[in-house]
Protein backbone atom coordinates (compact mmCIF):
# COMPACT_ATOMS: atom_id res chain seq x y z
CA UNK A 1 0.00 0.00 0.00
CA UNK A 2 1.41 3.40 -1.02
CA UNK A 3 0.63 6.32 1.28
CA UNK A 4 1.53 10.03 1.13
CA UNK A 5 0.06 12.21 3.87
CA UNK A 6 2.18 15.34 3.48
CA UNK A 7 1.62 17.08 0.14
CA UNK A 8 1.51 20.79 -0.68
CA UNK A 9 -0.24 22.25 -3.70
CA UNK A 10 0.35 25.52 -5.49
CA UNK A 11 -3.42 25.96 -5.43
CA UNK A 12 -3.32 26.20 -1.63
CA UNK A 13 0.21 27.12 -0.55
CA UNK A 14 3.79 26.57 -1.72
CA UNK A 15 3.66 23.38 -3.78
CA UNK A 16 4.77 23.02 -7.40
CA UNK A 17 1.58 21.42 -8.75
CA UNK A 18 -2.06 22.43 -8.73
CA UNK A 19 -4.42 20.23 -6.75
CA UNK A 20 -5.60 18.66 -10.01
CA UNK A 21 -2.02 17.92 -11.07
CA UNK A 22 -1.24 16.47 -7.64
CA UNK A 23 -3.98 13.88 -8.05
CA UNK A 24 -2.92 13.09 -11.61
CA UNK A 25 0.61 12.46 -10.35
CA UNK A 26 -0.66 10.43 -7.39
CA UNK A 27 -2.64 8.21 -9.76
CA UNK A 28 0.41 7.80 -11.99
CA UNK A 29 2.43 6.69 -8.96
CA UNK A 30 -0.31 4.33 -7.77
CA UNK A 31 -0.84 6.11 -4.45
CA UNK A 32 -3.55 4.35 -2.42
CA UNK A 33 -4.07 6.84 0.42
CA UNK A 34 -3.17 10.53 0.50
CA UNK A 35 -3.75 13.92 2.05
CA UNK A 36 -2.99 17.43 0.83
CA UNK A 37 -1.65 19.53 3.70
CA UNK A 38 -1.34 23.13 2.56
CA UNK A 39 0.06 25.71 4.96
CA UNK A 40 -2.71 27.34 7.01
CA UNK A 41 -5.26 26.67 4.27
CA UNK A 42 -8.08 24.21 3.69
CA UNK A 43 -9.40 25.96 0.58
CA UNK A 44 -8.52 23.00 -1.66
CA UNK A 45 -10.02 20.30 0.52
CA UNK A 46 -13.46 20.14 -1.07
CA UNK A 47 -11.87 19.90 -4.51
CA UNK A 48 -9.39 17.30 -3.25
CA UNK A 49 -12.18 15.11 -1.88
CA UNK A 50 -13.94 15.22 -5.25
CA UNK A 51 -10.73 14.43 -7.15
CA UNK A 52 -9.96 11.53 -4.82
CA UNK A 53 -13.32 10.04 -5.70
CA UNK A 54 -12.69 10.54 -9.41
CA UNK A 55 -9.28 8.86 -9.32
CA UNK A 56 -10.24 6.10 -6.89
CA UNK A 57 -7.77 7.20 -4.20
CA UNK A 58 -8.57 7.02 -0.49
CA UNK A 59 -8.32 10.49 1.04
CA UNK A 60 -8.25 12.21 4.43
CA UNK A 61 -8.46 15.96 4.96
CA UNK A 62 -5.20 17.69 5.88
CA UNK A 63 -3.59 21.00 6.79
CA UNK A 64 -0.17 22.11 8.06
CA UNK A 65 -0.16 24.61 10.91
CA UNK A 66 2.85 26.58 12.05
CA UNK A 67 3.11 26.76 15.83
CA UNK A 68 5.16 28.99 18.11
CA UNK A 69 6.49 26.41 20.55
CA UNK A 70 7.67 27.61 23.94
CA UNK A 71 10.28 25.39 25.56
CA UNK A 72 11.53 26.18 29.08
CA UNK A 73 14.94 27.82 29.06
CA UNK A 74 14.85 28.60 25.34
CA UNK A 75 13.51 31.24 23.00
CA UNK A 76 10.22 30.32 21.28
CA UNK A 77 10.80 28.25 18.14
CA UNK A 78 8.75 27.69 15.01
CA UNK A 79 7.45 24.13 14.54
CA UNK A 80 4.99 22.55 12.11
CA UNK A 81 2.05 20.29 12.94
CA UNK A 82 -0.25 18.38 10.62
CA UNK A 83 -4.00 18.29 11.17
CA UNK A 84 -5.90 15.33 9.71
CA UNK A 85 -9.48 14.05 9.42
CA UNK A 86 -11.13 17.30 10.50
CA UNK A 87 -14.50 18.58 9.32
CA UNK A 88 -13.86 21.05 6.49
CA UNK A 89 -17.05 22.88 7.44
CA UNK A 90 -15.96 23.65 11.00
CA UNK A 91 -16.46 27.41 11.34
CA UNK A 92 -14.01 27.98 14.19
CA UNK A 93 -11.20 26.39 12.19
CA UNK A 94 -12.13 28.30 9.04
CA UNK A 95 -12.20 31.62 10.92
CA UNK A 96 -8.77 31.05 12.46
CA UNK A 97 -7.26 30.09 9.10
CA UNK A 98 -8.68 33.28 7.57
CA UNK A 99 -6.99 35.26 10.35
CA UNK A 100 -3.72 33.46 9.65
CA UNK A 101 -4.04 34.26 5.94
CA UNK A 102 -4.51 37.97 6.69
CA UNK A 103 -1.53 37.93 9.05
CA UNK A 104 0.63 36.25 6.40
CA UNK A 105 -0.15 39.03 3.93
CA UNK A 106 0.67 41.73 6.49
CA UNK A 107 3.87 39.88 7.36
CA UNK A 108 4.88 39.74 3.69
CA UNK A 109 4.51 43.52 3.44
CA UNK A 110 6.80 43.98 6.46
CA UNK A 111 9.35 41.61 4.93
CA UNK A 112 9.36 43.71 1.76
CA UNK A 113 10.03 46.81 3.86
CA UNK A 114 13.06 45.08 5.36
CA UNK A 115 14.19 43.96 1.91
CA UNK A 116 14.07 47.56 0.71
CA UNK A 117 16.36 48.57 3.56
CA UNK A 118 18.85 45.93 2.37
CA UNK A 119 18.45 47.04 -1.25
CA UNK A 120 19.27 50.62 -0.25
CA UNK A 121 22.62 49.42 1.12
CA UNK A 122 23.40 47.62 -2.15
CA UNK A 123 22.05 50.28 -4.54
CA UNK A 124 19.34 47.91 -5.76
CA UNK A 125 16.05 49.42 -6.92
CA UNK A 126 13.47 49.29 -4.13
CA UNK A 127 10.33 47.17 -4.34
CA UNK A 128 7.17 49.20 -4.88
CA UNK A 129 3.46 48.57 -4.43
CA UNK A 130 3.46 47.35 -8.02
CA UNK A 131 6.03 44.68 -7.11
CA UNK A 132 3.90 43.62 -4.16
CA UNK A 133 0.88 43.36 -6.45
CA UNK A 134 2.82 41.20 -8.91
CA UNK A 135 3.91 38.85 -6.13
CA UNK A 136 0.33 38.62 -4.84
CA UNK A 137 -0.93 37.89 -8.36
CA UNK A 138 1.48 34.94 -8.56
CA UNK A 139 -0.03 33.36 -5.45
CA UNK A 140 -2.72 30.73 -5.99
CA UNK A 141 -3.09 29.93 -2.30
CA UNK A 142 -1.51 31.25 0.89
CA UNK A 143 1.07 34.06 0.58
CA UNK A 144 4.47 33.06 1.96
CA UNK A 145 8.19 33.74 1.76
CA UNK A 146 8.73 31.24 -1.10
CA UNK A 147 6.65 33.52 -3.34
CA UNK A 148 8.89 36.48 -2.48
CA UNK A 149 11.93 34.28 -3.14
CA UNK A 150 10.59 33.34 -6.57
CA UNK A 151 10.09 37.01 -7.39
CA UNK A 152 13.66 37.82 -6.36
CA UNK A 153 14.80 35.17 -8.85
CA UNK A 154 12.49 36.54 -11.54
CA UNK A 155 13.90 40.04 -11.04
CA UNK A 156 17.46 38.73 -11.38
CA UNK A 157 18.45 39.81 -7.87
CA UNK A 158 19.38 36.23 -6.94
CA UNK A 159 19.93 33.06 -8.95
CA UNK A 160 17.84 30.63 -6.93
CA UNK A 161 15.18 30.40 -4.25
CA UNK A 162 17.77 29.05 -1.82
CA UNK A 163 20.03 32.04 -2.46
CA UNK A 164 17.07 34.34 -1.81
CA UNK A 165 16.62 32.80 1.62
CA UNK A 166 20.32 32.66 2.45
CA UNK A 167 21.09 36.20 1.33
CA UNK A 168 17.90 38.07 2.24
CA UNK A 169 14.84 36.29 3.58
CA UNK A 170 16.38 34.75 6.70
CA UNK A 171 17.82 38.12 7.68
CA UNK A 172 14.66 40.03 6.75
CA UNK A 173 12.24 37.64 8.41
CA UNK A 174 9.27 38.81 10.48
CA UNK A 175 7.77 36.64 13.25
CA UNK A 176 4.89 34.40 12.23
CA UNK A 177 1.49 34.49 13.89
CA UNK A 178 2.01 33.17 17.45
CA UNK A 179 -0.31 30.15 17.30
CA UNK A 180 0.35 28.01 20.37
CA UNK A 181 0.45 24.23 20.33
CA UNK A 182 -2.47 24.13 22.75
CA UNK A 183 -4.60 26.29 20.45
CA UNK A 184 -3.64 24.35 17.32
CA UNK A 185 -4.55 21.12 19.09
CA UNK A 186 -7.88 22.49 20.29
CA UNK A 187 -8.80 23.82 16.84
CA UNK A 188 -8.11 20.55 15.05
CA UNK A 189 -9.57 18.27 17.71
CA UNK A 190 -12.71 20.39 18.09
CA UNK A 191 -13.17 19.98 14.34
CA UNK A 192 -13.06 16.20 14.83
CA UNK A 193 -9.46 15.77 13.70
CA UNK A 194 -6.09 14.67 15.01
CA UNK A 195 -2.79 16.56 15.28
CA UNK A 196 0.60 15.14 14.27
CA UNK A 197 4.03 16.68 14.86
CA UNK A 198 5.63 17.17 11.42
CA UNK A 199 9.26 16.36 10.50
CA UNK A 200 10.66 16.71 14.06
CA UNK A 201 14.27 16.07 12.96
CA UNK A 202 14.29 17.93 9.63
CA UNK A 203 17.76 19.58 9.54
CA UNK A 204 16.78 22.51 7.29
CA UNK A 205 13.17 23.00 8.28
CA UNK A 206 11.02 24.16 11.18
CA UNK A 207 11.86 21.33 13.54
CA UNK A 208 13.24 20.35 16.92
CA UNK A 209 16.73 20.62 15.44
CA UNK A 210 16.44 24.32 16.30
CA UNK A 211 16.49 23.21 19.96
CA UNK A 212 18.71 20.13 19.84
CA UNK A 213 20.08 17.62 17.34
CA UNK A 214 20.17 14.84 19.93
CA UNK A 215 17.38 12.32 19.22
CA UNK A 216 17.02 11.33 22.87
CA UNK A 217 16.59 14.97 23.85
CA UNK A 218 14.06 15.50 21.05
CA UNK A 219 12.11 12.48 22.28
CA UNK A 220 12.14 13.87 25.81
CA UNK A 221 10.78 17.23 24.60
CA UNK A 222 7.95 15.47 22.76
CA UNK A 223 7.12 13.28 25.75
CA UNK A 224 7.21 16.07 28.34
CA UNK A 225 5.77 19.03 26.46
CA UNK A 226 3.74 17.77 23.49
CA UNK A 227 2.04 14.45 24.17
CA UNK A 228 -1.13 15.88 25.69
CA UNK A 229 -1.67 17.98 22.55
CA UNK A 230 -0.73 15.60 19.73
CA UNK A 231 -1.90 12.25 18.43
CA UNK A 232 1.19 11.19 16.51
CA UNK A 233 4.62 12.05 15.11
CA UNK A 234 5.63 12.08 11.45
CA UNK A 235 8.46 9.56 11.15
CA UNK A 236 9.24 9.74 7.42
CA UNK A 237 9.37 12.95 5.42
CA UNK A 238 10.97 13.94 2.14
C-alpha atoms as a PDB file:
ATOM      1  CA  UNK A   1       0.000   0.000   0.000  1.00  0.00           C
ATOM      2  CA  UNK A   2       1.410   3.396  -1.016  1.00  0.00           C
ATOM      3  CA  UNK A   3       0.632   6.322   1.280  1.00  0.00           C
ATOM      4  CA  UNK A   4       1.531  10.030   1.132  1.00  0.00           C
ATOM      5  CA  UNK A   5       0.057  12.207   3.873  1.00  0.00           C
ATOM      6  CA  UNK A   6       2.178  15.343   3.481  1.00  0.00           C
ATOM      7  CA  UNK A   7       1.619  17.081   0.138  1.00  0.00           C
ATOM      8  CA  UNK A   8       1.514  20.794  -0.680  1.00  0.00           C
ATOM      9  CA  UNK A   9      -0.243  22.247  -3.704  1.00  0.00           C
ATOM     10  CA  UNK A  10       0.348  25.520  -5.494  1.00  0.00           C
ATOM     11  CA  UNK A  11      -3.421  25.961  -5.429  1.00  0.00           C
ATOM     12  CA  UNK A  12      -3.323  26.202  -1.632  1.00  0.00           C
ATOM     13  CA  UNK A  13       0.206  27.116  -0.547  1.00  0.00           C
ATOM     14  CA  UNK A  14       3.788  26.568  -1.723  1.00  0.00           C
ATOM     15  CA  UNK A  15       3.665  23.378  -3.782  1.00  0.00           C
ATOM     16  CA  UNK A  16       4.770  23.019  -7.398  1.00  0.00           C
ATOM     17  CA  UNK A  17       1.584  21.417  -8.752  1.00  0.00           C
ATOM     18  CA  UNK A  18      -2.062  22.430  -8.732  1.00  0.00           C
ATOM     19  CA  UNK A  19      -4.419  20.227  -6.750  1.00  0.00           C
ATOM     20  CA  UNK A  20      -5.601  18.656 -10.009  1.00  0.00           C
ATOM     21  CA  UNK A  21      -2.017  17.924 -11.073  1.00  0.00           C
ATOM     22  CA  UNK A  22      -1.243  16.470  -7.639  1.00  0.00           C
ATOM     23  CA  UNK A  23      -3.977  13.876  -8.053  1.00  0.00           C
ATOM     24  CA  UNK A  24      -2.920  13.092 -11.607  1.00  0.00           C
ATOM     25  CA  UNK A  25       0.614  12.458 -10.350  1.00  0.00           C
ATOM     26  CA  UNK A  26      -0.661  10.426  -7.391  1.00  0.00           C
ATOM     27  CA  UNK A  27      -2.640   8.215  -9.757  1.00  0.00           C
ATOM     28  CA  UNK A  28       0.407   7.796 -11.992  1.00  0.00           C
ATOM     29  CA  UNK A  29       2.431   6.690  -8.964  1.00  0.00           C
ATOM     30  CA  UNK A  30      -0.308   4.326  -7.770  1.00  0.00           C
ATOM     31  CA  UNK A  31      -0.838   6.109  -4.449  1.00  0.00           C
ATOM     32  CA  UNK A  32      -3.546   4.347  -2.424  1.00  0.00           C
ATOM     33  CA  UNK A  33      -4.071   6.842   0.424  1.00  0.00           C
ATOM     34  CA  UNK A  34      -3.166  10.532   0.496  1.00  0.00           C
ATOM     35  CA  UNK A  35      -3.753  13.918   2.050  1.00  0.00           C
ATOM     36  CA  UNK A  36      -2.988  17.430   0.826  1.00  0.00           C
ATOM     37  CA  UNK A  37      -1.646  19.531   3.700  1.00  0.00           C
ATOM     38  CA  UNK A  38      -1.338  23.127   2.559  1.00  0.00           C
ATOM     39  CA  UNK A  39       0.063  25.708   4.959  1.00  0.00           C
ATOM     40  CA  UNK A  40      -2.709  27.336   7.014  1.00  0.00           C
ATOM     41  CA  UNK A  41      -5.259  26.672   4.275  1.00  0.00           C
ATOM     42  CA  UNK A  42      -8.083  24.212   3.688  1.00  0.00           C
ATOM     43  CA  UNK A  43      -9.397  25.961   0.582  1.00  0.00           C
ATOM     44  CA  UNK A  44      -8.520  23.002  -1.662  1.00  0.00           C
ATOM     45  CA  UNK A  45     -10.023  20.302   0.524  1.00  0.00           C
ATOM     46  CA  UNK A  46     -13.460  20.145  -1.066  1.00  0.00           C
ATOM     47  CA  UNK A  47     -11.866  19.902  -4.509  1.00  0.00           C
ATOM     48  CA  UNK A  48      -9.388  17.298  -3.246  1.00  0.00           C
ATOM     49  CA  UNK A  49     -12.182  15.112  -1.878  1.00  0.00           C
ATOM     50  CA  UNK A  50     -13.936  15.225  -5.253  1.00  0.00           C
ATOM     51  CA  UNK A  51     -10.730  14.427  -7.149  1.00  0.00           C
ATOM     52  CA  UNK A  52      -9.957  11.528  -4.820  1.00  0.00           C
ATOM     53  CA  UNK A  53     -13.321  10.042  -5.702  1.00  0.00           C
ATOM     54  CA  UNK A  54     -12.691  10.545  -9.412  1.00  0.00           C
ATOM     55  CA  UNK A  55      -9.284   8.864  -9.317  1.00  0.00           C
ATOM     56  CA  UNK A  56     -10.239   6.102  -6.888  1.00  0.00           C
ATOM     57  CA  UNK A  57      -7.766   7.196  -4.198  1.00  0.00           C
ATOM     58  CA  UNK A  58      -8.571   7.022  -0.487  1.00  0.00           C
ATOM     59  CA  UNK A  59      -8.317  10.485   1.045  1.00  0.00           C
ATOM     60  CA  UNK A  60      -8.249  12.210   4.426  1.00  0.00           C
ATOM     61  CA  UNK A  61      -8.460  15.963   4.961  1.00  0.00           C
ATOM     62  CA  UNK A  62      -5.202  17.689   5.878  1.00  0.00           C
ATOM     63  CA  UNK A  63      -3.591  21.003   6.791  1.00  0.00           C
ATOM     64  CA  UNK A  64      -0.171  22.109   8.063  1.00  0.00           C
ATOM     65  CA  UNK A  65      -0.161  24.609  10.914  1.00  0.00           C
ATOM     66  CA  UNK A  66       2.855  26.581  12.047  1.00  0.00           C
ATOM     67  CA  UNK A  67       3.110  26.764  15.825  1.00  0.00           C
ATOM     68  CA  UNK A  68       5.159  28.994  18.111  1.00  0.00           C
ATOM     69  CA  UNK A  69       6.494  26.410  20.553  1.00  0.00           C
ATOM     70  CA  UNK A  70       7.665  27.611  23.944  1.00  0.00           C
ATOM     71  CA  UNK A  71      10.281  25.393  25.558  1.00  0.00           C
ATOM     72  CA  UNK A  72      11.528  26.181  29.084  1.00  0.00           C
ATOM     73  CA  UNK A  73      14.937  27.821  29.061  1.00  0.00           C
ATOM     74  CA  UNK A  74      14.853  28.603  25.343  1.00  0.00           C
ATOM     75  CA  UNK A  75      13.507  31.245  23.005  1.00  0.00           C
ATOM     76  CA  UNK A  76      10.215  30.320  21.280  1.00  0.00           C
ATOM     77  CA  UNK A  77      10.799  28.252  18.143  1.00  0.00           C
ATOM     78  CA  UNK A  78       8.746  27.693  15.011  1.00  0.00           C
ATOM     79  CA  UNK A  79       7.448  24.125  14.540  1.00  0.00           C
ATOM     80  CA  UNK A  80       4.992  22.548  12.106  1.00  0.00           C
ATOM     81  CA  UNK A  81       2.051  20.292  12.940  1.00  0.00           C
ATOM     82  CA  UNK A  82      -0.252  18.377  10.622  1.00  0.00           C
ATOM     83  CA  UNK A  83      -4.001  18.293  11.168  1.00  0.00           C
ATOM     84  CA  UNK A  84      -5.904  15.334   9.713  1.00  0.00           C
ATOM     85  CA  UNK A  85      -9.478  14.052   9.419  1.00  0.00           C
ATOM     86  CA  UNK A  86     -11.126  17.303  10.501  1.00  0.00           C
ATOM     87  CA  UNK A  87     -14.502  18.576   9.321  1.00  0.00           C
ATOM     88  CA  UNK A  88     -13.855  21.053   6.493  1.00  0.00           C
ATOM     89  CA  UNK A  89     -17.052  22.884   7.436  1.00  0.00           C
ATOM     90  CA  UNK A  90     -15.962  23.652  11.001  1.00  0.00           C
ATOM     91  CA  UNK A  91     -16.462  27.407  11.339  1.00  0.00           C
ATOM     92  CA  UNK A  92     -14.007  27.984  14.187  1.00  0.00           C
ATOM     93  CA  UNK A  93     -11.200  26.388  12.194  1.00  0.00           C
ATOM     94  CA  UNK A  94     -12.132  28.303   9.044  1.00  0.00           C
ATOM     95  CA  UNK A  95     -12.203  31.616  10.924  1.00  0.00           C
ATOM     96  CA  UNK A  96      -8.772  31.046  12.455  1.00  0.00           C
ATOM     97  CA  UNK A  97      -7.264  30.094   9.096  1.00  0.00           C
ATOM     98  CA  UNK A  98      -8.677  33.279   7.574  1.00  0.00           C
ATOM     99  CA  UNK A  99      -6.995  35.258  10.354  1.00  0.00           C
ATOM    100  CA  UNK A 100      -3.717  33.456   9.649  1.00  0.00           C
ATOM    101  CA  UNK A 101      -4.038  34.258   5.943  1.00  0.00           C
ATOM    102  CA  UNK A 102      -4.508  37.965   6.688  1.00  0.00           C
ATOM    103  CA  UNK A 103      -1.534  37.932   9.049  1.00  0.00           C
ATOM    104  CA  UNK A 104       0.633  36.253   6.395  1.00  0.00           C
ATOM    105  CA  UNK A 105      -0.146  39.030   3.931  1.00  0.00           C
ATOM    106  CA  UNK A 106       0.671  41.735   6.486  1.00  0.00           C
ATOM    107  CA  UNK A 107       3.872  39.877   7.363  1.00  0.00           C
ATOM    108  CA  UNK A 108       4.876  39.740   3.691  1.00  0.00           C
ATOM    109  CA  UNK A 109       4.512  43.516   3.437  1.00  0.00           C
ATOM    110  CA  UNK A 110       6.796  43.983   6.465  1.00  0.00           C
ATOM    111  CA  UNK A 111       9.350  41.609   4.926  1.00  0.00           C
ATOM    112  CA  UNK A 112       9.359  43.713   1.756  1.00  0.00           C
ATOM    113  CA  UNK A 113      10.029  46.808   3.860  1.00  0.00           C
ATOM    114  CA  UNK A 114      13.064  45.081   5.363  1.00  0.00           C
ATOM    115  CA  UNK A 115      14.189  43.963   1.907  1.00  0.00           C
ATOM    116  CA  UNK A 116      14.073  47.565   0.714  1.00  0.00           C
ATOM    117  CA  UNK A 117      16.364  48.570   3.563  1.00  0.00           C
ATOM    118  CA  UNK A 118      18.853  45.932   2.372  1.00  0.00           C
ATOM    119  CA  UNK A 119      18.447  47.041  -1.251  1.00  0.00           C
ATOM    120  CA  UNK A 120      19.274  50.623  -0.253  1.00  0.00           C
ATOM    121  CA  UNK A 121      22.621  49.419   1.120  1.00  0.00           C
ATOM    122  CA  UNK A 122      23.402  47.615  -2.151  1.00  0.00           C
ATOM    123  CA  UNK A 123      22.054  50.277  -4.536  1.00  0.00           C
ATOM    124  CA  UNK A 124      19.344  47.912  -5.763  1.00  0.00           C
ATOM    125  CA  UNK A 125      16.053  49.419  -6.919  1.00  0.00           C
ATOM    126  CA  UNK A 126      13.473  49.293  -4.134  1.00  0.00           C
ATOM    127  CA  UNK A 127      10.329  47.171  -4.336  1.00  0.00           C
ATOM    128  CA  UNK A 128       7.167  49.201  -4.884  1.00  0.00           C
ATOM    129  CA  UNK A 129       3.458  48.573  -4.425  1.00  0.00           C
ATOM    130  CA  UNK A 130       3.465  47.352  -8.021  1.00  0.00           C
ATOM    131  CA  UNK A 131       6.034  44.683  -7.110  1.00  0.00           C
ATOM    132  CA  UNK A 132       3.896  43.616  -4.163  1.00  0.00           C
ATOM    133  CA  UNK A 133       0.876  43.356  -6.449  1.00  0.00           C
ATOM    134  CA  UNK A 134       2.816  41.197  -8.911  1.00  0.00           C
ATOM    135  CA  UNK A 135       3.907  38.846  -6.130  1.00  0.00           C
ATOM    136  CA  UNK A 136       0.335  38.615  -4.837  1.00  0.00           C
ATOM    137  CA  UNK A 137      -0.926  37.892  -8.360  1.00  0.00           C
ATOM    138  CA  UNK A 138       1.482  34.941  -8.562  1.00  0.00           C
ATOM    139  CA  UNK A 139      -0.028  33.356  -5.450  1.00  0.00           C
ATOM    140  CA  UNK A 140      -2.720  30.733  -5.985  1.00  0.00           C
ATOM    141  CA  UNK A 141      -3.093  29.931  -2.296  1.00  0.00           C
ATOM    142  CA  UNK A 142      -1.506  31.254   0.895  1.00  0.00           C
ATOM    143  CA  UNK A 143       1.071  34.062   0.578  1.00  0.00           C
ATOM    144  CA  UNK A 144       4.470  33.058   1.959  1.00  0.00           C
ATOM    145  CA  UNK A 145       8.193  33.741   1.762  1.00  0.00           C
ATOM    146  CA  UNK A 146       8.726  31.245  -1.102  1.00  0.00           C
ATOM    147  CA  UNK A 147       6.647  33.522  -3.337  1.00  0.00           C
ATOM    148  CA  UNK A 148       8.894  36.477  -2.476  1.00  0.00           C
ATOM    149  CA  UNK A 149      11.930  34.283  -3.136  1.00  0.00           C
ATOM    150  CA  UNK A 150      10.590  33.338  -6.565  1.00  0.00           C
ATOM    151  CA  UNK A 151      10.085  37.008  -7.393  1.00  0.00           C
ATOM    152  CA  UNK A 152      13.660  37.820  -6.363  1.00  0.00           C
ATOM    153  CA  UNK A 153      14.800  35.172  -8.851  1.00  0.00           C
ATOM    154  CA  UNK A 154      12.487  36.541 -11.539  1.00  0.00           C
ATOM    155  CA  UNK A 155      13.903  40.042 -11.042  1.00  0.00           C
ATOM    156  CA  UNK A 156      17.460  38.728 -11.381  1.00  0.00           C
ATOM    157  CA  UNK A 157      18.447  39.813  -7.874  1.00  0.00           C
ATOM    158  CA  UNK A 158      19.384  36.231  -6.941  1.00  0.00           C
ATOM    159  CA  UNK A 159      19.931  33.059  -8.950  1.00  0.00           C
ATOM    160  CA  UNK A 160      17.836  30.630  -6.925  1.00  0.00           C
ATOM    161  CA  UNK A 161      15.183  30.398  -4.248  1.00  0.00           C
ATOM    162  CA  UNK A 162      17.775  29.051  -1.822  1.00  0.00           C
ATOM    163  CA  UNK A 163      20.034  32.041  -2.460  1.00  0.00           C
ATOM    164  CA  UNK A 164      17.068  34.337  -1.813  1.00  0.00           C
ATOM    165  CA  UNK A 165      16.619  32.803   1.625  1.00  0.00           C
ATOM    166  CA  UNK A 166      20.324  32.660   2.449  1.00  0.00           C
ATOM    167  CA  UNK A 167      21.088  36.204   1.334  1.00  0.00           C
ATOM    168  CA  UNK A 168      17.904  38.071   2.242  1.00  0.00           C
ATOM    169  CA  UNK A 169      14.845  36.288   3.579  1.00  0.00           C
ATOM    170  CA  UNK A 170      16.376  34.750   6.698  1.00  0.00           C
ATOM    171  CA  UNK A 171      17.824  38.125   7.683  1.00  0.00           C
ATOM    172  CA  UNK A 172      14.658  40.025   6.752  1.00  0.00           C
ATOM    173  CA  UNK A 173      12.239  37.640   8.414  1.00  0.00           C
ATOM    174  CA  UNK A 174       9.269  38.814  10.475  1.00  0.00           C
ATOM    175  CA  UNK A 175       7.769  36.643  13.248  1.00  0.00           C
ATOM    176  CA  UNK A 176       4.895  34.398  12.234  1.00  0.00           C
ATOM    177  CA  UNK A 177       1.489  34.489  13.893  1.00  0.00           C
ATOM    178  CA  UNK A 178       2.009  33.174  17.453  1.00  0.00           C
ATOM    179  CA  UNK A 179      -0.306  30.150  17.300  1.00  0.00           C
ATOM    180  CA  UNK A 180       0.348  28.012  20.371  1.00  0.00           C
ATOM    181  CA  UNK A 181       0.453  24.227  20.328  1.00  0.00           C
ATOM    182  CA  UNK A 182      -2.468  24.127  22.754  1.00  0.00           C
ATOM    183  CA  UNK A 183      -4.604  26.292  20.453  1.00  0.00           C
ATOM    184  CA  UNK A 184      -3.638  24.347  17.323  1.00  0.00           C
ATOM    185  CA  UNK A 185      -4.553  21.116  19.089  1.00  0.00           C
ATOM    186  CA  UNK A 186      -7.884  22.494  20.290  1.00  0.00           C
ATOM    187  CA  UNK A 187      -8.796  23.822  16.837  1.00  0.00           C
ATOM    188  CA  UNK A 188      -8.111  20.547  15.048  1.00  0.00           C
ATOM    189  CA  UNK A 189      -9.567  18.268  17.713  1.00  0.00           C
ATOM    190  CA  UNK A 190     -12.706  20.392  18.094  1.00  0.00           C
ATOM    191  CA  UNK A 191     -13.167  19.978  14.340  1.00  0.00           C
ATOM    192  CA  UNK A 192     -13.061  16.202  14.829  1.00  0.00           C
ATOM    193  CA  UNK A 193      -9.462  15.767  13.699  1.00  0.00           C
ATOM    194  CA  UNK A 194      -6.091  14.668  15.012  1.00  0.00           C
ATOM    195  CA  UNK A 195      -2.790  16.563  15.283  1.00  0.00           C
ATOM    196  CA  UNK A 196       0.601  15.139  14.273  1.00  0.00           C
ATOM    197  CA  UNK A 197       4.035  16.679  14.856  1.00  0.00           C
ATOM    198  CA  UNK A 198       5.630  17.173  11.420  1.00  0.00           C
ATOM    199  CA  UNK A 199       9.256  16.359  10.502  1.00  0.00           C
ATOM    200  CA  UNK A 200      10.659  16.707  14.056  1.00  0.00           C
ATOM    201  CA  UNK A 201      14.267  16.069  12.963  1.00  0.00           C
ATOM    202  CA  UNK A 202      14.291  17.933   9.634  1.00  0.00           C
ATOM    203  CA  UNK A 203      17.757  19.582   9.537  1.00  0.00           C
ATOM    204  CA  UNK A 204      16.779  22.513   7.294  1.00  0.00           C
ATOM    205  CA  UNK A 205      13.165  22.996   8.285  1.00  0.00           C
ATOM    206  CA  UNK A 206      11.018  24.163  11.176  1.00  0.00           C
ATOM    207  CA  UNK A 207      11.864  21.334  13.536  1.00  0.00           C
ATOM    208  CA  UNK A 208      13.239  20.348  16.924  1.00  0.00           C
ATOM    209  CA  UNK A 209      16.729  20.619  15.439  1.00  0.00           C
ATOM    210  CA  UNK A 210      16.439  24.319  16.302  1.00  0.00           C
ATOM    211  CA  UNK A 211      16.486  23.209  19.956  1.00  0.00           C
ATOM    212  CA  UNK A 212      18.711  20.126  19.841  1.00  0.00           C
ATOM    213  CA  UNK A 213      20.077  17.616  17.336  1.00  0.00           C
ATOM    214  CA  UNK A 214      20.172  14.845  19.925  1.00  0.00           C
ATOM    215  CA  UNK A 215      17.382  12.319  19.215  1.00  0.00           C
ATOM    216  CA  UNK A 216      17.019  11.330  22.870  1.00  0.00           C
ATOM    217  CA  UNK A 217      16.590  14.973  23.851  1.00  0.00           C
ATOM    218  CA  UNK A 218      14.063  15.502  21.046  1.00  0.00           C
ATOM    219  CA  UNK A 219      12.112  12.482  22.280  1.00  0.00           C
ATOM    220  CA  UNK A 220      12.141  13.870  25.809  1.00  0.00           C
ATOM    221  CA  UNK A 221      10.780  17.228  24.599  1.00  0.00           C
ATOM    222  CA  UNK A 222       7.953  15.472  22.760  1.00  0.00           C
ATOM    223  CA  UNK A 223       7.117  13.284  25.746  1.00  0.00           C
ATOM    224  CA  UNK A 224       7.207  16.071  28.339  1.00  0.00           C
ATOM    225  CA  UNK A 225       5.774  19.030  26.459  1.00  0.00           C
ATOM    226  CA  UNK A 226       3.736  17.769  23.490  1.00  0.00           C
ATOM    227  CA  UNK A 227       2.042  14.450  24.168  1.00  0.00           C
ATOM    228  CA  UNK A 228      -1.126  15.876  25.687  1.00  0.00           C
ATOM    229  CA  UNK A 229      -1.668  17.975  22.553  1.00  0.00           C
ATOM    230  CA  UNK A 230      -0.731  15.599  19.731  1.00  0.00           C
ATOM    231  CA  UNK A 231      -1.903  12.246  18.425  1.00  0.00           C
ATOM    232  CA  UNK A 232       1.193  11.193  16.507  1.00  0.00           C
ATOM    233  CA  UNK A 233       4.623  12.050  15.111  1.00  0.00           C
ATOM    234  CA  UNK A 234       5.628  12.077  11.448  1.00  0.00           C
ATOM    235  CA  UNK A 235       8.463   9.563  11.152  1.00  0.00           C
ATOM    236  CA  UNK A 236       9.240   9.745   7.423  1.00  0.00           C
ATOM    237  CA  UNK A 237       9.372  12.953   5.421  1.00  0.00           C
ATOM    238  CA  UNK A 238      10.975  13.940   2.139  1.00  0.00           C
END
